[in-house]
């Protein structure tokens, strides 16, 4: 394990110490958790955007997409525990 030094303003340091204490963690553990959570969130965001880009490329290549109302109806039914039929893709209108 390596050591990293960070410089933060005194006010922020005091705030971190206060909330770390409220959460039952040391300041060090709180900072490490905050960094880990931020890294995980960024990784998830990047994966989400990569998937969105892939799907957009398919839409551009095929010209097919599912209308929002059909997708919404399908997703609502799924959320209600139903097993609806997937909506059919149609050509994107220019």
N, C-alpha and C. Protein backbone atom coordinates (compact mmCIF):
# COMPACT_ATOMS: atom_id res chain seq x y z
N UNK A 1 0.86 -1.17 0.00
CA UNK A 1 0.00 0.00 0.00
C UNK A 1 0.90 1.23 0.00
N UNK A 2 0.54 2.22 -0.78
CA UNK A 2 1.35 3.43 -0.85
C UNK A 2 0.69 4.56 -0.08
N UNK A 3 1.45 5.61 0.14
CA UNK A 3 0.97 6.78 0.85
C UNK A 3 0.88 7.94 -0.13
N UNK A 4 -0.22 8.69 -0.03
CA UNK A 4 -0.41 9.88 -0.84
C UNK A 4 -0.72 11.05 0.09
N UNK A 5 -0.12 12.16 -0.16
CA UNK A 5 -0.37 13.36 0.64
C UNK A 5 -1.28 14.28 -0.14
N UNK A 6 -2.32 14.79 0.53
CA UNK A 6 -3.19 15.78 -0.11
C UNK A 6 -3.18 17.05 0.74
N UNK A 7 -3.38 18.15 0.09
CA UNK A 7 -3.46 19.42 0.80
C UNK A 7 -4.88 19.93 0.63
N UNK A 8 -5.54 20.18 1.77
CA UNK A 8 -6.90 20.71 1.74
C UNK A 8 -6.99 21.90 2.68
N UNK A 9 -7.92 22.76 2.39
CA UNK A 9 -8.14 23.93 3.24
C UNK A 9 -8.54 23.48 4.65
N UNK A 10 -8.19 24.29 5.63
CA UNK A 10 -8.50 23.96 7.03
C UNK A 10 -9.99 23.78 7.26
N UNK A 11 -10.79 24.61 6.61
CA UNK A 11 -12.25 24.52 6.79
C UNK A 11 -12.77 23.17 6.27
N UNK A 12 -12.31 22.76 5.10
CA UNK A 12 -12.74 21.47 4.55
C UNK A 12 -12.25 20.32 5.43
N UNK A 13 -11.03 20.43 5.93
CA UNK A 13 -10.49 19.40 6.81
C UNK A 13 -11.36 19.24 8.06
N UNK A 14 -11.80 20.35 8.61
CA UNK A 14 -12.66 20.31 9.80
C UNK A 14 -14.01 19.70 9.46
N UNK A 15 -14.56 20.05 8.30
CA UNK A 15 -15.85 19.47 7.89
C UNK A 15 -15.74 17.97 7.69
N UNK A 16 -14.65 17.53 7.05
CA UNK A 16 -14.43 16.10 6.83
C UNK A 16 -14.34 15.39 8.18
N UNK A 17 -13.57 15.95 9.10
CA UNK A 17 -13.42 15.33 10.41
C UNK A 17 -14.77 15.24 11.13
N UNK A 18 -15.58 16.27 11.00
CA UNK A 18 -16.89 16.28 11.66
C UNK A 18 -17.81 15.19 11.11
N UNK A 19 -17.92 15.10 9.79
CA UNK A 19 -18.82 14.09 9.21
C UNK A 19 -18.25 12.69 9.34
N UNK A 20 -16.93 12.58 9.36
CA UNK A 20 -16.32 11.26 9.58
C UNK A 20 -16.70 10.77 10.97
N UNK A 21 -16.62 11.65 11.94
CA UNK A 21 -17.01 11.28 13.30
C UNK A 21 -18.47 10.89 13.40
N UNK A 22 -19.34 11.61 12.70
CA UNK A 22 -20.76 11.28 12.70
C UNK A 22 -21.02 9.91 12.09
N UNK A 23 -20.20 9.54 11.12
CA UNK A 23 -20.40 8.25 10.45
C UNK A 23 -19.66 7.12 11.17
N UNK A 24 -18.95 7.45 12.25
CA UNK A 24 -18.24 6.43 13.01
C UNK A 24 -16.95 5.97 12.35
N UNK A 25 -16.41 6.81 11.49
CA UNK A 25 -15.18 6.47 10.78
C UNK A 25 -14.07 7.43 11.18
N UNK A 26 -12.85 6.99 10.96
CA UNK A 26 -11.74 7.92 11.11
C UNK A 26 -11.74 8.84 9.90
N UNK A 27 -11.06 9.96 10.03
CA UNK A 27 -10.94 10.88 8.89
C UNK A 27 -10.30 10.18 7.72
N UNK A 28 -9.27 9.40 7.99
CA UNK A 28 -8.58 8.65 6.93
C UNK A 28 -9.54 7.71 6.22
N UNK A 29 -10.30 6.91 6.99
CA UNK A 29 -11.24 5.95 6.38
C UNK A 29 -12.30 6.68 5.57
N UNK A 30 -12.77 7.81 6.08
CA UNK A 30 -13.78 8.58 5.37
C UNK A 30 -13.24 9.08 4.02
N UNK A 31 -12.03 9.60 4.03
CA UNK A 31 -11.43 10.11 2.78
C UNK A 31 -11.20 8.97 1.80
N UNK A 32 -10.68 7.84 2.27
CA UNK A 32 -10.46 6.69 1.38
C UNK A 32 -11.78 6.22 0.78
N UNK A 33 -12.84 6.13 1.62
CA UNK A 33 -14.16 5.73 1.10
C UNK A 33 -14.68 6.73 0.07
N UNK A 34 -14.49 8.02 0.33
CA UNK A 34 -14.97 9.04 -0.61
C UNK A 34 -14.25 8.92 -1.95
N UNK A 35 -12.96 8.67 -1.90
CA UNK A 35 -12.20 8.50 -3.14
C UNK A 35 -12.67 7.25 -3.88
N UNK A 36 -12.84 6.15 -3.16
CA UNK A 36 -13.27 4.90 -3.77
C UNK A 36 -14.66 5.06 -4.41
N UNK A 37 -15.56 5.74 -3.71
CA UNK A 37 -16.91 5.95 -4.25
C UNK A 37 -16.87 6.81 -5.51
N UNK A 38 -16.04 7.83 -5.50
CA UNK A 38 -15.92 8.71 -6.67
C UNK A 38 -15.35 7.96 -7.86
N UNK A 39 -14.33 7.15 -7.61
CA UNK A 39 -13.73 6.36 -8.70
C UNK A 39 -14.75 5.38 -9.25
N UNK A 40 -15.49 4.69 -8.37
CA UNK A 40 -16.50 3.73 -8.83
C UNK A 40 -17.58 4.43 -9.65
N UNK A 41 -18.02 5.61 -9.19
CA UNK A 41 -19.05 6.35 -9.92
C UNK A 41 -18.55 6.76 -11.30
N UNK A 42 -17.32 7.21 -11.39
CA UNK A 42 -16.76 7.60 -12.68
C UNK A 42 -16.64 6.40 -13.61
N UNK A 43 -16.24 5.26 -13.06
CA UNK A 43 -16.14 4.05 -13.88
C UNK A 43 -17.52 3.64 -14.40
N UNK A 44 -18.53 3.71 -13.54
CA UNK A 44 -19.89 3.38 -13.97
C UNK A 44 -20.39 4.37 -15.02
N UNK A 45 -20.12 5.65 -14.82
CA UNK A 45 -20.52 6.67 -15.80
C UNK A 45 -19.87 6.42 -17.15
N UNK A 46 -18.57 6.12 -17.13
CA UNK A 46 -17.87 5.85 -18.38
C UNK A 46 -18.40 4.62 -19.09
N UNK A 47 -18.71 3.56 -18.32
CA UNK A 47 -19.28 2.35 -18.92
C UNK A 47 -20.66 2.64 -19.51
N UNK A 48 -21.46 3.45 -18.81
CA UNK A 48 -22.79 3.82 -19.28
C UNK A 48 -22.69 4.60 -20.59
N UNK A 49 -21.77 5.55 -20.64
CA UNK A 49 -21.61 6.35 -21.85
C UNK A 49 -21.08 5.51 -23.02
N UNK A 50 -20.20 4.57 -22.72
CA UNK A 50 -19.69 3.68 -23.78
C UNK A 50 -20.82 2.83 -24.34
N UNK A 51 -21.68 2.31 -23.47
CA UNK A 51 -22.82 1.51 -23.92
C UNK A 51 -23.79 2.38 -24.74
N UNK A 52 -24.03 3.60 -24.28
CA UNK A 52 -24.91 4.50 -25.02
C UNK A 52 -24.33 4.80 -26.40
N UNK A 53 -23.03 5.01 -26.48
CA UNK A 53 -22.38 5.25 -27.78
C UNK A 53 -22.52 4.05 -28.69
N UNK A 54 -22.34 2.84 -28.14
CA UNK A 54 -22.49 1.62 -28.95
C UNK A 54 -23.92 1.51 -29.49
N UNK A 55 -24.88 1.77 -28.61
CA UNK A 55 -26.29 1.67 -29.04
C UNK A 55 -26.63 2.73 -30.07
N UNK A 56 -26.09 3.93 -29.90
CA UNK A 56 -26.32 5.00 -30.87
C UNK A 56 -25.72 4.63 -32.22
N UNK A 57 -24.55 4.00 -32.21
CA UNK A 57 -23.92 3.55 -33.45
C UNK A 57 -24.81 2.54 -34.18
N UNK A 58 -25.46 1.65 -33.42
CA UNK A 58 -26.38 0.67 -34.02
C UNK A 58 -27.58 1.39 -34.63
N UNK A 59 -28.10 2.38 -33.93
CA UNK A 59 -29.24 3.14 -34.46
C UNK A 59 -28.84 3.83 -35.76
N UNK A 60 -27.67 4.44 -35.76
CA UNK A 60 -27.21 5.13 -36.97
C UNK A 60 -26.97 4.15 -38.12
N UNK A 61 -26.44 2.96 -37.79
CA UNK A 61 -26.13 1.98 -38.83
C UNK A 61 -27.39 1.35 -39.41
N UNK A 62 -28.37 1.07 -38.56
CA UNK A 62 -29.59 0.37 -39.02
C UNK A 62 -30.73 1.32 -39.32
N UNK A 63 -30.69 2.49 -38.70
CA UNK A 63 -31.80 3.43 -38.87
C UNK A 63 -33.03 3.02 -38.08
N UNK A 64 -32.91 2.01 -37.22
CA UNK A 64 -34.06 1.52 -36.47
C UNK A 64 -33.97 1.90 -34.99
N UNK A 65 -35.13 2.22 -34.45
CA UNK A 65 -35.22 2.56 -33.04
C UNK A 65 -36.63 2.22 -32.54
N UNK A 66 -36.82 2.26 -31.24
CA UNK A 66 -38.12 1.98 -30.63
C UNK A 66 -38.70 3.32 -30.19
N UNK A 67 -39.94 3.62 -30.56
CA UNK A 67 -40.56 4.87 -30.13
C UNK A 67 -40.63 4.95 -28.60
N UNK A 68 -40.48 6.15 -28.07
CA UNK A 68 -40.47 6.33 -26.62
C UNK A 68 -41.72 5.78 -25.97
N UNK A 69 -42.88 6.05 -26.50
CA UNK A 69 -44.13 5.58 -25.87
C UNK A 69 -44.16 4.06 -25.79
N UNK A 70 -43.70 3.38 -26.84
CA UNK A 70 -43.68 1.91 -26.82
C UNK A 70 -42.67 1.41 -25.79
N UNK A 71 -41.51 2.05 -25.71
CA UNK A 71 -40.50 1.66 -24.74
C UNK A 71 -41.00 1.91 -23.32
N UNK A 72 -41.64 3.05 -23.11
CA UNK A 72 -42.16 3.40 -21.79
C UNK A 72 -43.22 2.41 -21.34
N UNK A 73 -44.14 2.08 -22.22
CA UNK A 73 -45.19 1.11 -21.89
C UNK A 73 -44.58 -0.24 -21.52
N UNK A 74 -43.60 -0.67 -22.31
CA UNK A 74 -42.91 -1.93 -22.06
C UNK A 74 -42.22 -1.92 -20.69
N UNK A 75 -41.48 -0.85 -20.41
CA UNK A 75 -40.75 -0.75 -19.15
C UNK A 75 -41.68 -0.67 -17.95
N UNK A 76 -42.79 0.02 -18.09
CA UNK A 76 -43.75 0.10 -16.99
C UNK A 76 -44.34 -1.28 -16.70
N UNK A 77 -44.64 -2.02 -17.75
CA UNK A 77 -45.18 -3.36 -17.56
C UNK A 77 -44.16 -4.26 -16.87
N UNK A 78 -42.91 -4.17 -17.29
CA UNK A 78 -41.84 -4.95 -16.66
C UNK A 78 -41.70 -4.59 -15.18
N UNK A 79 -41.77 -3.29 -14.89
CA UNK A 79 -41.65 -2.83 -13.50
C UNK A 79 -42.81 -3.34 -12.65
N UNK A 80 -43.94 -3.60 -13.28
CA UNK A 80 -45.12 -4.11 -12.57
C UNK A 80 -45.12 -5.63 -12.48
N UNK A 81 -44.02 -6.26 -12.91
CA UNK A 81 -43.92 -7.71 -12.80
C UNK A 81 -44.54 -8.47 -13.95
N UNK A 82 -44.97 -7.77 -14.98
CA UNK A 82 -45.58 -8.42 -16.14
C UNK A 82 -44.48 -8.90 -17.10
N UNK A 83 -44.86 -9.70 -18.07
CA UNK A 83 -43.93 -10.19 -19.09
C UNK A 83 -44.42 -9.73 -20.46
N UNK A 84 -44.32 -8.44 -20.74
CA UNK A 84 -44.84 -7.92 -22.02
C UNK A 84 -43.94 -8.31 -23.18
N UNK A 85 -44.50 -8.23 -24.37
CA UNK A 85 -43.73 -8.47 -25.58
C UNK A 85 -42.87 -7.25 -25.86
N UNK A 86 -41.63 -7.50 -26.27
CA UNK A 86 -40.74 -6.37 -26.57
C UNK A 86 -41.28 -5.58 -27.75
N UNK A 87 -41.21 -4.24 -27.67
CA UNK A 87 -41.69 -3.44 -28.79
C UNK A 87 -40.79 -3.61 -30.02
N UNK A 88 -41.39 -3.54 -31.18
CA UNK A 88 -40.65 -3.70 -32.43
C UNK A 88 -39.96 -2.39 -32.80
N UNK A 89 -38.73 -2.53 -33.30
CA UNK A 89 -37.99 -1.36 -33.78
C UNK A 89 -38.57 -0.92 -35.12
N UNK A 90 -38.49 0.37 -35.36
CA UNK A 90 -38.96 0.93 -36.64
C UNK A 90 -37.90 1.85 -37.19
N UNK A 91 -38.03 2.18 -38.44
CA UNK A 91 -37.06 3.08 -39.08
C UNK A 91 -37.19 4.47 -38.44
N UNK A 92 -36.06 5.07 -38.19
CA UNK A 92 -35.98 6.40 -37.62
C UNK A 92 -36.43 7.39 -38.68
N UNK A 93 -37.34 8.29 -38.30
CA UNK A 93 -37.81 9.31 -39.24
C UNK A 93 -36.80 10.45 -39.28
N UNK A 94 -36.48 10.90 -40.46
CA UNK A 94 -35.50 11.98 -40.62
C UNK A 94 -36.13 13.34 -40.42
